[in-house]
Amino acid sequence: MTMGGRWAGRFRALPDVIVRRAVAAWNRAVTRLRGAEPPDPHEPAGLREVRARARARRTDISRHLPTLYLEAVAASPRLIVELGTRGGDSTFVWERVAALTGATVLSVDVDDCSHVSSFPGWHFVRSDDVAFAAAFPDWCRERGIEPRVDVLFVDTSHALEHTRAELAAWLPLLAPRGRAIFHDTNMRAFYRRGDGTVGLGSTVNARGVMEALEERLGRPLDERRPLHLLAGGWVVRHDPLCSGLTVLERVSPPGKAGADG
């Protein structure tokens, strides 16, 4: 089920029940053809659990869950901050990273997501994430936590102005070699996962996140293609599948030329 934008739009305009049945039938056929992927016994238990969740819960972020784990572990984090929690798929990953690295995990959401985790090193704050950024240093100091974010994950409104505000508020709080990870950087009417299955996407605020990143990095980005490049003091890695995931790994300290400013 690979369609260009015009045909995807026409298909998406069909009655919702027809579209959902067609997607479900396609995914069943693909799953039967591919078969089950056996777990790798050499991987850490946490990563195996993440991969199992990604296989069991086909969502608009499921393909990226192992990537989140590997990117976060590579950062050797002491503090992981998640902006946007929703059903807790990404939180599930951060729990397992924290269990391995000893990191503290903080989730911020405008909705009450306090039920999604019982991990002892997890904290939840119900707030607008931009508004909370101003209180974040004091929040950390009150709990004996250094207010420096090693891994920042952003999956919120996807609106351009809101994402601009998030970048302005949170990137200065990132550690000198921290990583900022953004979901929904390639939003389409349909999204495709790496295993060939598809899902129903959204085109609301379709380029909001990517446009804000382009402004921050000072260059255009083609979200339809895999990217691995250097821009604006960041190594940029982008996976276009599953609504898109973009990783910014800082290579220039804040305040230096090419940094986030």
C-alpha atoms as a PDB file:
ATOM      1  CA  MET A   1       0.000   0.000   0.000  1.00  0.00           C
ATOM      2  CA  THR A   2       2.350   2.667  -1.308  1.00  0.00           C
ATOM      3  CA  MET A   3       0.545   5.711  -2.665  1.00  0.00           C
ATOM      4  CA  GLY A   4       1.522   9.164  -3.821  1.00  0.00           C
ATOM      5  CA  GLY A   5       0.023  12.184  -2.128  1.00  0.00           C
ATOM      6  CA  ARG A   6      -2.844  12.585  -4.619  1.00  0.00           C
ATOM      7  CA  TRP A   7      -3.982   8.956  -4.437  1.00  0.00           C
ATOM      8  CA  ALA A   8      -3.490   8.829  -0.688  1.00  0.00           C
ATOM      9  CA  GLY A   9      -5.746  11.846  -0.323  1.00  0.00           C
ATOM     10  CA  ARG A  10      -8.443  10.292  -2.510  1.00  0.00           C
ATOM     11  CA  PHE A  11      -8.312   6.985  -0.642  1.00  0.00           C
ATOM     12  CA  ARG A  12      -8.377   8.754   2.714  1.00  0.00           C
ATOM     13  CA  ALA A  13     -11.518  10.587   1.586  1.00  0.00           C
ATOM     14  CA  LEU A  14     -13.449   7.295   1.379  1.00  0.00           C
ATOM     15  CA  PRO A  15     -15.733   6.384   4.297  1.00  0.00           C
ATOM     16  CA  ASP A  16     -13.638   5.781   7.396  1.00  0.00           C
ATOM     17  CA  VAL A  17     -14.875   2.221   7.911  1.00  0.00           C
ATOM     18  CA  ILE A  18     -13.736   1.252   4.394  1.00  0.00           C
ATOM     19  CA  VAL A  19     -10.311   2.818   4.869  1.00  0.00           C
ATOM     20  CA  ARG A  20      -9.767   1.125   8.229  1.00  0.00           C
ATOM     21  CA  ARG A  21     -10.827  -2.282   6.904  1.00  0.00           C
ATOM     22  CA  ALA A  22      -8.506  -1.934   3.925  1.00  0.00           C
ATOM     23  CA  VAL A  23      -5.577  -0.964   6.149  1.00  0.00           C
ATOM     24  CA  ALA A  24      -6.278  -3.853   8.536  1.00  0.00           C
ATOM     25  CA  ALA A  25      -6.489  -6.338   5.641  1.00  0.00           C
ATOM     26  CA  TRP A  26      -3.215  -5.072   4.186  1.00  0.00           C
ATOM     27  CA  ASN A  27      -1.455  -5.340   7.534  1.00  0.00           C
ATOM     28  CA  ARG A  28      -2.720  -8.887   8.115  1.00  0.00           C
ATOM     29  CA  ALA A  29      -1.442  -9.950   4.696  1.00  0.00           C
ATOM     30  CA  VAL A  30       1.961  -8.350   5.240  1.00  0.00           C
ATOM     31  CA  THR A  31       2.292  -9.927   8.678  1.00  0.00           C
ATOM     32  CA  ARG A  32       1.489 -13.391   7.324  1.00  0.00           C
ATOM     33  CA  LEU A  33       4.031 -13.024   4.533  1.00  0.00           C
ATOM     34  CA  ARG A  34       6.819 -11.724   6.761  1.00  0.00           C
ATOM     35  CA  GLY A  35       6.286 -14.028   9.714  1.00  0.00           C
ATOM     36  CA  ALA A  36       7.417 -13.360  13.265  1.00  0.00           C
ATOM     37  CA  GLU A  37      10.878 -11.954  13.903  1.00  0.00           C
ATOM     38  CA  PRO A  38      12.620 -13.960  16.647  1.00  0.00           C
ATOM     39  CA  PRO A  39      14.137 -11.985  19.535  1.00  0.00           C
ATOM     40  CA  ASP A  40      17.907 -11.594  19.637  1.00  0.00           C
ATOM     41  CA  PRO A  41      19.154 -13.350  22.800  1.00  0.00           C
ATOM     42  CA  HIS A  42      22.346 -11.274  22.733  1.00  0.00           C
ATOM     43  CA  GLU A  43      20.531  -7.961  23.190  1.00  0.00           C
ATOM     44  CA  PRO A  44      19.961  -6.426  26.635  1.00  0.00           C
ATOM     45  CA  ALA A  45      16.671  -7.446  28.217  1.00  0.00           C
ATOM     46  CA  GLY A  46      15.420  -3.864  28.110  1.00  0.00           C
ATOM     47  CA  LEU A  47      15.941  -3.587  24.354  1.00  0.00           C
ATOM     48  CA  ARG A  48      14.241  -6.940  23.784  1.00  0.00           C
ATOM     49  CA  GLU A  49      11.248  -5.671  25.767  1.00  0.00           C
ATOM     50  CA  VAL A  50      11.164  -2.495  23.692  1.00  0.00           C
ATOM     51  CA  ARG A  51      11.250  -4.447  20.433  1.00  0.00           C
ATOM     52  CA  ALA A  52       8.498  -6.743  21.698  1.00  0.00           C
ATOM     53  CA  ARG A  53       6.305  -3.749  22.510  1.00  0.00           C
ATOM     54  CA  ALA A  54       6.959  -2.260  19.083  1.00  0.00           C
ATOM     55  CA  ARG A  55       5.820  -5.506  17.440  1.00  0.00           C
ATOM     56  CA  ALA A  56       2.772  -5.896  19.663  1.00  0.00           C
ATOM     57  CA  ARG A  57       1.546  -2.290  19.510  1.00  0.00           C
ATOM     58  CA  ARG A  58       1.589  -1.036  15.950  1.00  0.00           C
ATOM     59  CA  THR A  59       1.255   2.707  16.380  1.00  0.00           C
ATOM     60  CA  ASP A  60       2.562   5.843  14.695  1.00  0.00           C
ATOM     61  CA  ILE A  61       5.707   5.625  16.826  1.00  0.00           C
ATOM     62  CA  SER A  62       6.208   1.874  17.214  1.00  0.00           C
ATOM     63  CA  ARG A  63       8.956   1.598  14.582  1.00  0.00           C
ATOM     64  CA  HIS A  64      10.992   4.210  16.421  1.00  0.00           C
ATOM     65  CA  LEU A  65      10.902   2.708  19.914  1.00  0.00           C
ATOM     66  CA  PRO A  66      14.167   0.725  19.496  1.00  0.00           C
ATOM     67  CA  THR A  67      15.797   3.845  18.023  1.00  0.00           C
ATOM     68  CA  LEU A  68      14.734   5.874  21.061  1.00  0.00           C
ATOM     69  CA  TYR A  69      16.308   3.264  23.319  1.00  0.00           C
ATOM     70  CA  LEU A  70      19.599   3.131  21.416  1.00  0.00           C
ATOM     71  CA  GLU A  71      19.897   6.912  21.032  1.00  0.00           C
ATOM     72  CA  ALA A  72      19.225   7.432  24.722  1.00  0.00           C
ATOM     73  CA  VAL A  73      21.622   4.743  25.925  1.00  0.00           C
ATOM     74  CA  ALA A  74      24.352   6.183  23.683  1.00  0.00           C
ATOM     75  CA  ALA A  75      23.945   9.520  25.480  1.00  0.00           C
ATOM     76  CA  SER A  76      24.742   7.937  28.891  1.00  0.00           C
ATOM     77  CA  PRO A  77      21.954  10.055  30.373  1.00  0.00           C
ATOM     78  CA  ARG A  78      21.475  11.264  33.900  1.00  0.00           C
ATOM     79  CA  LEU A  79      18.274  13.124  33.016  1.00  0.00           C
ATOM     80  CA  ILE A  80      15.717  12.316  30.320  1.00  0.00           C
ATOM     81  CA  VAL A  81      12.905  14.808  29.691  1.00  0.00           C
ATOM     82  CA  GLU A  82       9.845  13.819  27.701  1.00  0.00           C
ATOM     83  CA  LEU A  83       7.518  16.543  26.419  1.00  0.00           C
ATOM     84  CA  GLY A  84       4.263  14.802  25.520  1.00  0.00           C
ATOM     85  CA  THR A  85       3.392  11.456  27.104  1.00  0.00           C
ATOM     86  CA  ARG A  86       0.038  10.320  25.710  1.00  0.00           C
ATOM     87  CA  GLY A  87      -0.301   6.514  26.057  1.00  0.00           C
ATOM     88  CA  GLY A  88       3.196   5.971  27.390  1.00  0.00           C
ATOM     89  CA  ASP A  89       4.921   4.175  24.491  1.00  0.00           C
ATOM     90  CA  SER A  90       7.982   6.413  24.699  1.00  0.00           C
ATOM     91  CA  THR A  91       7.797   6.411  28.509  1.00  0.00           C
ATOM     92  CA  PHE A  92       8.071   2.608  28.366  1.00  0.00           C
ATOM     93  CA  VAL A  93      11.379   3.072  26.553  1.00  0.00           C
ATOM     94  CA  TRP A  94      12.736   5.668  28.988  1.00  0.00           C
ATOM     95  CA  GLU A  95      11.979   3.361  31.929  1.00  0.00           C
ATOM     96  CA  ARG A  96      14.227   0.705  30.440  1.00  0.00           C
ATOM     97  CA  VAL A  97      16.957   3.182  29.591  1.00  0.00           C
ATOM     98  CA  ALA A  98      16.822   4.504  33.157  1.00  0.00           C
ATOM     99  CA  ALA A  99      16.978   0.993  34.590  1.00  0.00           C
ATOM    100  CA  LEU A 100      20.212   0.472  32.648  1.00  0.00           C
ATOM    101  CA  THR A 101      21.839   3.883  33.154  1.00  0.00           C
ATOM    102  CA  GLY A 102      20.403   5.119  36.457  1.00  0.00           C
ATOM    103  CA  ALA A 103      18.852   8.171  34.788  1.00  0.00           C
ATOM    104  CA  THR A 104      15.974  10.207  36.156  1.00  0.00           C
ATOM    105  CA  VAL A 105      12.967  10.474  33.819  1.00  0.00           C
ATOM    106  CA  LEU A 106      10.652  13.499  33.742  1.00  0.00           C
ATOM    107  CA  SER A 107       7.483  13.561  31.634  1.00  0.00           C
ATOM    108  CA  VAL A 108       5.508  16.749  30.999  1.00  0.00           C
ATOM    109  CA  ASP A 109       2.033  16.811  29.461  1.00  0.00           C
ATOM    110  CA  VAL A 110      -0.999  19.100  29.521  1.00  0.00           C
ATOM    111  CA  ASP A 111      -3.188  16.049  30.171  1.00  0.00           C
ATOM    112  CA  ASP A 112      -3.082  13.850  33.261  1.00  0.00           C
ATOM    113  CA  CYS A 113      -0.761  10.996  32.278  1.00  0.00           C
ATOM    114  CA  SER A 114       0.294  10.158  35.829  1.00  0.00           C
ATOM    115  CA  HIS A 115      -1.055   6.628  35.422  1.00  0.00           C
ATOM    116  CA  VAL A 116       1.195   5.520  32.547  1.00  0.00           C
ATOM    117  CA  SER A 117       4.189   4.524  34.689  1.00  0.00           C
ATOM    118  CA  SER A 118       5.011   3.284  38.164  1.00  0.00           C
ATOM    119  CA  PHE A 119       8.771   3.305  37.607  1.00  0.00           C
ATOM    120  CA  PRO A 120      10.454   4.621  40.784  1.00  0.00           C
ATOM    121  CA  GLY A 121      12.739   7.003  38.886  1.00  0.00           C
ATOM    122  CA  TRP A 122       9.898   8.584  36.908  1.00  0.00           C
ATOM    123  CA  HIS A 123       8.345  11.974  37.614  1.00  0.00           C
ATOM    124  CA  PHE A 124       5.282  13.478  35.976  1.00  0.00           C
ATOM    125  CA  VAL A 125       4.358  17.156  35.765  1.00  0.00           C
ATOM    126  CA  ARG A 126       1.008  18.213  34.364  1.00  0.00           C
ATOM    127  CA  SER A 127       1.709  21.493  32.639  1.00  0.00           C
ATOM    128  CA  ASP A 128       2.189  23.260  29.362  1.00  0.00           C
ATOM    129  CA  ASP A 129       5.736  22.277  28.465  1.00  0.00           C
ATOM    130  CA  VAL A 130       6.822  25.756  27.378  1.00  0.00           C
ATOM    131  CA  ALA A 131       5.502  27.337  30.569  1.00  0.00           C
ATOM    132  CA  PHE A 132       7.168  24.670  32.709  1.00  0.00           C
ATOM    133  CA  ALA A 133      10.588  25.274  31.133  1.00  0.00           C
ATOM    134  CA  ALA A 134      10.971  28.452  33.200  1.00  0.00           C
ATOM    135  CA  ALA A 135      10.327  26.511  36.416  1.00  0.00           C
ATOM    136  CA  PHE A 136      12.415  23.507  35.378  1.00  0.00           C
ATOM    137  CA  PRO A 137      15.747  24.564  36.976  1.00  0.00           C
ATOM    138  CA  ASP A 138      14.087  25.168  40.358  1.00  0.00           C
ATOM    139  CA  TRP A 139      12.105  21.937  40.034  1.00  0.00           C
ATOM    140  CA  CYS A 140      15.375  20.058  39.531  1.00  0.00           C
ATOM    141  CA  ARG A 141      17.265  21.762  42.356  1.00  0.00           C
ATOM    142  CA  GLU A 142      14.444  21.043  44.808  1.00  0.00           C
ATOM    143  CA  ARG A 143      14.959  17.344  44.053  1.00  0.00           C
ATOM    144  CA  GLY A 144      18.745  17.340  43.977  1.00  0.00           C
ATOM    145  CA  ILE A 145      18.864  16.907  40.195  1.00  0.00           C
ATOM    146  CA  GLU A 146      21.283  18.796  37.980  1.00  0.00           C
ATOM    147  CA  PRO A 147      19.089  20.883  35.614  1.00  0.00           C
ATOM    148  CA  ARG A 148      20.812  19.710  32.472  1.00  0.00           C
ATOM    149  CA  VAL A 149      18.928  17.531  29.984  1.00  0.00           C
ATOM    150  CA  ASP A 150      20.863  14.718  28.342  1.00  0.00           C
ATOM    151  CA  VAL A 151      17.957  13.400  26.252  1.00  0.00           C
ATOM    152  CA  LEU A 152      15.023  15.628  25.276  1.00  0.00           C
ATOM    153  CA  PHE A 153      12.058  14.005  23.538  1.00  0.00           C
ATOM    154  CA  VAL A 154       9.367  16.178  21.953  1.00  0.00           C
ATOM    155  CA  ASP A 155       5.999  14.803  20.811  1.00  0.00           C
ATOM    156  CA  THR A 156       3.375  17.447  21.526  1.00  0.00           C
ATOM    157  CA  SER A 157       1.081  19.614  19.390  1.00  0.00           C
ATOM    158  CA  HIS A 158       3.236  19.658  16.224  1.00  0.00           C
ATOM    159  CA  ALA A 159       2.074  23.240  15.659  1.00  0.00           C
ATOM    160  CA  LEU A 160       4.717  25.535  14.182  1.00  0.00           C
ATOM    161  CA  GLU A 161       4.495  28.347  16.737  1.00  0.00           C
ATOM    162  CA  HIS A 162       4.392  25.929  19.654  1.00  0.00           C
ATOM    163  CA  THR A 163       7.403  23.999  18.340  1.00  0.00           C
ATOM    164  CA  ARG A 164       9.324  27.251  17.866  1.00  0.00           C
ATOM    165  CA  ALA A 165       8.577  28.100  21.499  1.00  0.00           C
ATOM    166  CA  GLU A 166       9.653  24.627  22.641  1.00  0.00           C
ATOM    167  CA  LEU A 167      12.970  24.930  20.826  1.00  0.00           C
ATOM    168  CA  ALA A 168      13.598  28.369  22.313  1.00  0.00           C
ATOM    169  CA  ALA A 169      12.693  27.229  25.826  1.00  0.00           C
ATOM    170  CA  TRP A 170      14.251  23.772  25.999  1.00  0.00           C
ATOM    171  CA  LEU A 171      17.310  23.614  23.736  1.00  0.00           C
ATOM    172  CA  PRO A 172      19.269  25.961  26.059  1.00  0.00           C
ATOM    173  CA  LEU A 173      18.614  23.426  28.843  1.00  0.00           C
ATOM    174  CA  LEU A 174      20.248  20.623  26.881  1.00  0.00           C
ATOM    175  CA  ALA A 175      23.601  19.237  28.038  1.00  0.00           C
ATOM    176  CA  PRO A 176      26.681  20.201  25.964  1.00  0.00           C
ATOM    177  CA  ARG A 177      26.535  16.866  24.098  1.00  0.00           C
ATOM    178  CA  GLY A 178      22.832  16.249  24.604  1.00  0.00           C
ATOM    179  CA  ARG A 179      20.333  14.904  22.111  1.00  0.00           C
ATOM    180  CA  ALA A 180      16.936  16.290  21.166  1.00  0.00           C
ATOM    181  CA  ILE A 181      14.541  13.850  19.507  1.00  0.00           C
ATOM    182  CA  PHE A 182      11.401  14.904  17.640  1.00  0.00           C
ATOM    183  CA  HIS A 183       8.533  12.684  16.518  1.00  0.00           C
ATOM    184  CA  ASP A 184       6.051  13.484  13.737  1.00  0.00           C
ATOM    185  CA  THR A 185       8.519  15.170  11.426  1.00  0.00           C
ATOM    186  CA  ASN A 186       6.997  13.511   8.328  1.00  0.00           C
ATOM    187  CA  MET A 187       3.237  13.502   8.786  1.00  0.00           C
ATOM    188  CA  ARG A 188       1.144  12.031   5.955  1.00  0.00           C
ATOM    189  CA  ALA A 189      -2.399  10.784   5.408  1.00  0.00           C
ATOM    190  CA  PHE A 190      -0.881   7.293   5.628  1.00  0.00           C
ATOM    191  CA  TYR A 191       2.405   6.335   7.240  1.00  0.00           C
ATOM    192  CA  ARG A 192       4.493   3.251   6.560  1.00  0.00           C
ATOM    193  CA  ARG A 193       6.462   1.196   9.045  1.00  0.00           C
ATOM    194  CA  GLY A 194       9.690  -0.639   8.325  1.00  0.00           C
ATOM    195  CA  ASP A 195       7.940  -4.019   8.329  1.00  0.00           C
ATOM    196  CA  GLY A 196       5.685  -2.990   5.440  1.00  0.00           C
ATOM    197  CA  THR A 197       2.557  -2.358   7.489  1.00  0.00           C
ATOM    198  CA  VAL A 198       0.790   0.985   7.310  1.00  0.00           C
ATOM    199  CA  GLY A 199      -1.310   3.212   9.536  1.00  0.00           C
ATOM    200  CA  LEU A 200      -3.703   6.109   9.257  1.00  0.00           C
ATOM    201  CA  GLY A 201      -1.886   9.378   9.772  1.00  0.00           C
ATOM    202  CA  SER A 202      -2.785  13.035   9.959  1.00  0.00           C
ATOM    203  CA  THR A 203      -1.909  16.075   7.911  1.00  0.00           C
ATOM    204  CA  VAL A 204      -2.896  18.580  10.602  1.00  0.00           C
ATOM    205  CA  ASN A 205       0.192  20.710  11.313  1.00  0.00           C
ATOM    206  CA  ALA A 206       1.933  18.395   8.851  1.00  0.00           C
ATOM    207  CA  ARG A 207       5.208  20.359   8.582  1.00  0.00           C
ATOM    208  CA  GLY A 208       5.002  22.257  11.847  1.00  0.00           C
ATOM    209  CA  VAL A 209       7.834  20.429  13.586  1.00  0.00           C
ATOM    210  CA  MET A 210      10.053  20.134  10.525  1.00  0.00           C
ATOM    211  CA  GLU A 211       9.600  23.785   9.564  1.00  0.00           C
ATOM    212  CA  ALA A 212      10.601  24.876  13.065  1.00  0.00           C
ATOM    213  CA  LEU A 213      13.689  22.648  12.847  1.00  0.00           C
ATOM    214  CA  GLU A 214      14.582  24.064   9.438  1.00  0.00           C
ATOM    215  CA  GLU A 215      14.459  27.564  10.876  1.00  0.00           C
ATOM    216  CA  ARG A 216      16.618  26.570  13.829  1.00  0.00           C
ATOM    217  CA  LEU A 217      19.171  24.726  11.689  1.00  0.00           C
ATOM    218  CA  GLY A 218      19.246  27.342   8.934  1.00  0.00           C
ATOM    219  CA  ARG A 219      18.666  24.986   6.024  1.00  0.00           C
ATOM    220  CA  PRO A 220      15.870  23.079   4.254  1.00  0.00           C
ATOM    221  CA  LEU A 221      15.253  19.430   5.103  1.00  0.00           C
ATOM    222  CA  ASP A 222      13.473  16.878   2.910  1.00  0.00           C
ATOM    223  CA  GLU A 223      11.473  14.883   5.433  1.00  0.00           C
ATOM    224  CA  ARG A 224      10.500  12.310   2.789  1.00  0.00           C
ATOM    225  CA  ARG A 225      14.027  10.873   2.687  1.00  0.00           C
ATOM    226  CA  PRO A 226      16.469   9.464   5.256  1.00  0.00           C
ATOM    227  CA  LEU A 227      18.911  12.159   6.351  1.00  0.00           C
ATOM    228  CA  HIS A 228      22.282  12.112   8.105  1.00  0.00           C
ATOM    229  CA  LEU A 229      23.988  15.476   7.993  1.00  0.00           C
ATOM    230  CA  LEU A 230      25.648  18.297   9.925  1.00  0.00           C
ATOM    231  CA  ALA A 231      23.803  21.594  10.317  1.00  0.00           C
ATOM    232  CA  GLY A 232      23.878  24.495  12.738  1.00  0.00           C
ATOM    233  CA  GLY A 233      26.119  22.789  15.274  1.00  0.00           C
ATOM    234  CA  TRP A 234      24.096  19.562  15.297  1.00  0.00           C
ATOM    235  CA  VAL A 235      24.416  16.129  13.754  1.00  0.00           C
ATOM    236  CA  VAL A 236      20.968  15.496  12.274  1.00  0.00           C
ATOM    237  CA  ARG A 237      19.569  11.997  11.753  1.00  0.00           C
ATOM    238  CA  HIS A 238      16.124  11.568  10.234  1.00  0.00           C
ATOM    239  CA  ASP A 239      13.994   8.480   9.576  1.00  0.00           C
ATOM    240  CA  PRO A 240      11.007   9.303   7.336  1.00  0.00           C
ATOM    241  CA  LEU A 241       8.996   6.189   8.185  1.00  0.00           C
ATOM    242  CA  CYS A 242       6.268   5.928  10.823  1.00  0.00           C
ATOM    243  CA  SER A 243       5.407   9.664  10.759  1.00  0.00           C
ATOM    244  CA  GLY A 244       9.087  10.599  10.946  1.00  0.00           C
ATOM    245  CA  LEU A 245      11.674  10.752  13.725  1.00  0.00           C
ATOM    246  CA  THR A 246      14.445  13.349  13.762  1.00  0.00           C
ATOM    247  CA  VAL A 247      17.414  13.311  16.140  1.00  0.00           C
ATOM    248  CA  LEU A 248      19.585  16.354  16.816  1.00  0.00           C
ATOM    249  CA  GLU A 249      22.874  15.536  18.532  1.00  0.00           C
ATOM    250  CA  ARG A 250      24.734  18.617  19.678  1.00  0.00           C
ATOM    251  CA  VAL A 251      28.340  18.900  18.531  1.00  0.00           C
ATOM    252  CA  SER A 252      28.932  22.595  19.335  1.00  0.00           C
ATOM    253  CA  PRO A 253      28.662  23.864  22.926  1.00  0.00           C
ATOM    254  CA  PRO A 254      25.951  26.487  23.525  1.00  0.00           C
ATOM    255  CA  GLY A 255      27.138  29.991  22.677  1.00  0.00           C
ATOM    256  CA  LYS A 256      29.660  28.845  20.065  1.00  0.00           C
ATOM    257  CA  ALA A 257      29.299  29.525  16.378  1.00  0.00           C
ATOM    258  CA  GLY A 258      26.761  27.218  14.801  1.00  0.00           C
ATOM    259  CA  ALA A 259      25.129  26.277  18.082  1.00  0.00           C
ATOM    260  CA  ASP A 260      21.477  26.722  18.839  1.00  0.00           C
ATOM    261  CA  GLY A 261      22.025  30.226  20.172  1.00  0.00           C
END
